[in-house]
N, C-alpha and C. Protein backbone atom coordinates (compact mmCIF):
# COMPACT_ATOMS: atom_id res chain seq x y z
N MET A 1 362.86 -47.30 116.89
CA MET A 1 363.54 -48.50 117.31
C MET A 1 363.03 -49.65 116.46
N SER A 2 363.88 -50.56 116.15
CA SER A 2 363.45 -51.71 115.37
C SER A 2 363.61 -52.99 116.18
N VAL A 3 362.79 -53.95 115.88
CA VAL A 3 362.85 -55.25 116.54
C VAL A 3 363.24 -56.27 115.48
N ASN A 4 364.21 -57.12 115.81
CA ASN A 4 364.71 -58.04 114.79
C ASN A 4 363.80 -59.24 114.58
N VAL A 5 364.11 -59.99 113.56
CA VAL A 5 363.27 -61.11 113.14
C VAL A 5 363.19 -62.19 114.21
N VAL A 6 364.28 -62.46 114.92
CA VAL A 6 364.27 -63.51 115.94
C VAL A 6 363.32 -63.14 117.07
N LYS A 7 363.41 -61.91 117.56
CA LYS A 7 362.50 -61.47 118.61
C LYS A 7 361.07 -61.52 118.12
N ASP A 8 360.87 -61.12 116.86
CA ASP A 8 359.54 -61.13 116.26
C ASP A 8 358.95 -62.54 116.24
N ALA A 9 359.73 -63.51 115.83
CA ALA A 9 359.25 -64.90 115.74
C ALA A 9 358.93 -65.46 117.12
N ILE A 10 359.82 -65.23 118.07
CA ILE A 10 359.59 -65.74 119.43
C ILE A 10 358.36 -65.08 120.04
N SER A 11 358.21 -63.79 119.84
CA SER A 11 357.05 -63.08 120.38
C SER A 11 355.76 -63.57 119.74
N GLY A 12 355.81 -63.87 118.44
CA GLY A 12 354.62 -64.39 117.75
C GLY A 12 354.19 -65.72 118.33
N ILE A 13 355.13 -66.59 118.61
CA ILE A 13 354.82 -67.89 119.20
C ILE A 13 354.24 -67.71 120.60
N LYS A 14 354.86 -66.85 121.39
CA LYS A 14 354.35 -66.59 122.74
C LYS A 14 352.94 -66.00 122.69
N GLY A 15 352.70 -65.12 121.71
CA GLY A 15 351.38 -64.51 121.57
C GLY A 15 350.31 -65.53 121.26
N ILE A 16 350.64 -66.48 120.41
CA ILE A 16 349.68 -67.54 120.06
C ILE A 16 349.37 -68.40 121.27
N LEU A 17 350.38 -68.64 122.09
CA LEU A 17 350.20 -69.49 123.27
C LEU A 17 349.68 -68.72 124.49
N GLY A 18 349.50 -67.42 124.33
CA GLY A 18 348.95 -66.61 125.42
C GLY A 18 349.99 -66.10 126.41
N GLY A 19 351.27 -66.18 126.04
CA GLY A 19 352.33 -65.71 126.93
C GLY A 19 352.67 -64.26 126.69
N LYS A 20 353.52 -63.74 127.56
CA LYS A 20 353.96 -62.35 127.45
C LYS A 20 355.38 -62.33 126.87
N SER A 21 355.61 -61.46 125.91
CA SER A 21 356.93 -61.33 125.30
C SER A 21 357.74 -60.30 126.07
N ASN A 22 358.74 -60.77 126.80
CA ASN A 22 359.61 -59.85 127.54
C ASN A 22 360.46 -59.00 126.61
N SER A 23 360.84 -59.54 125.45
CA SER A 23 361.68 -58.77 124.54
C SER A 23 360.94 -57.53 124.05
N TYR A 24 359.66 -57.66 123.71
CA TYR A 24 358.87 -56.49 123.29
C TYR A 24 358.69 -55.53 124.46
N SER A 25 358.42 -56.04 125.63
CA SER A 25 358.24 -55.18 126.80
C SER A 25 359.49 -54.36 127.07
N GLU A 26 360.65 -55.00 126.92
CA GLU A 26 361.92 -54.30 127.13
C GLU A 26 362.11 -53.21 126.08
N GLU A 27 361.77 -53.50 124.84
CA GLU A 27 361.92 -52.50 123.77
C GLU A 27 361.00 -51.30 124.00
N PHE A 28 359.77 -51.57 124.42
CA PHE A 28 358.85 -50.47 124.71
C PHE A 28 359.34 -49.65 125.89
N SER A 29 359.91 -50.29 126.90
CA SER A 29 360.45 -49.57 128.06
C SER A 29 361.62 -48.69 127.65
N LYS A 30 362.52 -49.24 126.83
CA LYS A 30 363.66 -48.45 126.34
C LYS A 30 363.17 -47.25 125.53
N GLY A 31 362.19 -47.48 124.67
CA GLY A 31 361.63 -46.40 123.87
C GLY A 31 361.01 -45.32 124.72
N ARG A 32 360.29 -45.73 125.76
CA ARG A 32 359.66 -44.77 126.67
C ARG A 32 360.72 -43.91 127.35
N GLU A 33 361.78 -44.56 127.85
CA GLU A 33 362.84 -43.81 128.51
C GLU A 33 363.52 -42.83 127.56
N LEU A 34 363.81 -43.27 126.34
CA LEU A 34 364.43 -42.38 125.35
C LEU A 34 363.53 -41.19 125.01
N ALA A 35 362.25 -41.44 124.87
CA ALA A 35 361.31 -40.36 124.54
C ALA A 35 361.22 -39.35 125.68
N LEU A 36 361.20 -39.84 126.92
CA LEU A 36 361.12 -38.92 128.07
C LEU A 36 362.41 -38.12 128.25
N VAL A 37 363.55 -38.74 127.98
CA VAL A 37 364.82 -38.01 128.05
C VAL A 37 364.83 -36.90 127.00
N ALA A 38 364.36 -37.20 125.80
CA ALA A 38 364.31 -36.19 124.74
C ALA A 38 363.35 -35.05 125.11
N LEU A 39 362.22 -35.40 125.72
CA LEU A 39 361.25 -34.39 126.15
C LEU A 39 361.87 -33.46 127.21
N LYS A 40 362.56 -34.05 128.18
CA LYS A 40 363.23 -33.25 129.22
C LYS A 40 364.30 -32.35 128.62
N SER A 41 365.03 -32.88 127.65
CA SER A 41 366.08 -32.10 127.00
C SER A 41 365.50 -30.88 126.27
N GLN A 42 364.41 -31.10 125.55
CA GLN A 42 363.76 -29.99 124.83
C GLN A 42 363.21 -28.95 125.81
N ALA A 43 362.66 -29.41 126.92
CA ALA A 43 362.14 -28.48 127.93
C ALA A 43 363.28 -27.65 128.53
N ALA A 44 364.42 -28.28 128.77
CA ALA A 44 365.57 -27.56 129.32
C ALA A 44 366.05 -26.49 128.35
N LEU A 45 366.01 -26.76 127.05
CA LEU A 45 366.40 -25.75 126.06
C LEU A 45 365.49 -24.53 126.11
N LEU A 46 364.26 -24.72 126.57
CA LEU A 46 363.32 -23.61 126.71
C LEU A 46 363.37 -22.97 128.09
N SER A 47 364.33 -23.39 128.90
CA SER A 47 364.51 -22.91 130.29
C SER A 47 363.32 -23.26 131.18
N ALA A 48 362.62 -24.32 130.85
CA ALA A 48 361.49 -24.77 131.66
C ALA A 48 362.02 -25.57 132.86
N ASN A 49 361.29 -25.51 133.97
CA ASN A 49 361.67 -26.32 135.12
C ASN A 49 360.59 -27.34 135.49
N ILE A 50 359.58 -27.44 134.64
CA ILE A 50 358.53 -28.43 134.84
C ILE A 50 357.90 -28.76 133.48
N ILE A 51 357.42 -29.99 133.37
CA ILE A 51 356.66 -30.40 132.18
C ILE A 51 355.33 -30.92 132.70
N ILE A 52 354.25 -30.34 132.20
CA ILE A 52 352.93 -30.77 132.66
C ILE A 52 352.17 -31.47 131.52
N ASP A 53 351.19 -32.23 131.91
CA ASP A 53 350.32 -32.94 130.96
C ASP A 53 351.11 -33.83 130.00
N VAL A 54 352.00 -34.64 130.59
CA VAL A 54 352.84 -35.53 129.80
C VAL A 54 352.02 -36.72 129.31
N CYS A 55 352.19 -37.05 128.03
CA CYS A 55 351.51 -38.19 127.42
C CYS A 55 352.53 -38.96 126.59
N VAL A 56 352.54 -40.28 126.75
CA VAL A 56 353.44 -41.14 125.97
C VAL A 56 352.58 -42.01 125.06
N ASP A 57 352.88 -42.00 123.77
CA ASP A 57 352.14 -42.80 122.79
C ASP A 57 353.06 -43.86 122.18
N TYR A 58 352.46 -45.01 121.87
CA TYR A 58 353.19 -46.12 121.28
C TYR A 58 352.54 -46.51 119.96
N ASN A 59 353.37 -46.71 118.93
CA ASN A 59 352.88 -47.17 117.62
C ASN A 59 353.82 -48.21 117.07
N GLN A 60 353.29 -49.08 116.23
CA GLN A 60 354.09 -50.09 115.56
C GLN A 60 353.84 -49.99 114.06
N PHE A 61 354.92 -50.12 113.31
CA PHE A 61 354.83 -50.19 111.86
C PHE A 61 355.50 -51.49 111.44
N VAL A 62 354.75 -52.35 110.79
CA VAL A 62 355.25 -53.67 110.44
C VAL A 62 355.47 -53.76 108.94
N ASN A 63 356.65 -54.20 108.59
CA ASN A 63 357.02 -54.47 107.21
C ASN A 63 357.28 -55.97 107.12
N SER A 64 357.50 -56.50 105.95
CA SER A 64 357.75 -57.93 105.82
C SER A 64 359.08 -58.33 106.48
N ASP A 65 360.01 -57.41 106.60
CA ASP A 65 361.33 -57.72 107.15
C ASP A 65 361.56 -57.21 108.56
N ILE A 66 360.84 -56.20 108.96
CA ILE A 66 361.17 -55.53 110.23
C ILE A 66 359.92 -54.92 110.86
N MET A 67 359.97 -54.77 112.15
CA MET A 67 358.91 -54.06 112.86
C MET A 67 359.53 -52.86 113.55
N LEU A 68 358.97 -51.70 113.32
CA LEU A 68 359.44 -50.48 113.96
C LEU A 68 358.51 -50.13 115.11
N ILE A 69 359.12 -49.78 116.22
CA ILE A 69 358.36 -49.31 117.37
C ILE A 69 358.62 -47.81 117.47
N VAL A 70 357.57 -47.04 117.45
CA VAL A 70 357.69 -45.58 117.56
C VAL A 70 357.05 -45.16 118.88
N VAL A 71 357.86 -44.53 119.72
CA VAL A 71 357.37 -44.05 121.01
C VAL A 71 357.55 -42.54 121.03
N THR A 72 356.48 -41.82 121.29
CA THR A 72 356.55 -40.36 121.36
C THR A 72 356.07 -39.89 122.72
N ALA A 73 356.72 -38.86 123.21
CA ALA A 73 356.32 -38.24 124.47
C ALA A 73 356.06 -36.77 124.19
N ARG A 74 354.97 -36.26 124.76
CA ARG A 74 354.67 -34.84 124.58
C ARG A 74 354.16 -34.28 125.89
N GLY A 75 354.34 -33.00 126.03
CA GLY A 75 353.89 -32.32 127.24
C GLY A 75 354.07 -30.82 127.06
N THR A 76 353.68 -30.09 128.06
CA THR A 76 353.80 -28.63 128.03
C THR A 76 354.89 -28.19 128.96
N ALA A 77 355.91 -27.54 128.40
CA ALA A 77 357.02 -27.03 129.20
C ALA A 77 356.60 -25.71 129.84
N ALA A 78 356.91 -25.57 131.12
CA ALA A 78 356.50 -24.37 131.85
C ALA A 78 357.59 -23.99 132.86
N VAL A 79 357.44 -22.79 133.39
CA VAL A 79 358.36 -22.30 134.43
C VAL A 79 357.55 -22.00 135.68
N ILE A 80 357.95 -22.58 136.78
CA ILE A 80 357.34 -22.29 138.08
C ILE A 80 358.34 -21.45 138.86
N GLU A 81 357.88 -20.31 139.32
CA GLU A 81 358.77 -19.42 140.08
C GLU A 81 358.50 -19.51 141.55
């Protein structure tokens, strides 16, 4: 997911002033949901009915023009009978 320059500038100002950036929080939430949906989809392809030891990781890659938010979810797909 990428965050545009306007959100970046507003978040930078809020960060300096000690505020919370809702736009970044929303992007991280969207990323988390997308990663968990993808994890569930992959588990379903393996005929799993449970995912254990789920972990969600967040990373940022910043370029001069754009910031990328990378959210990954991992876990162990299993079958409970």
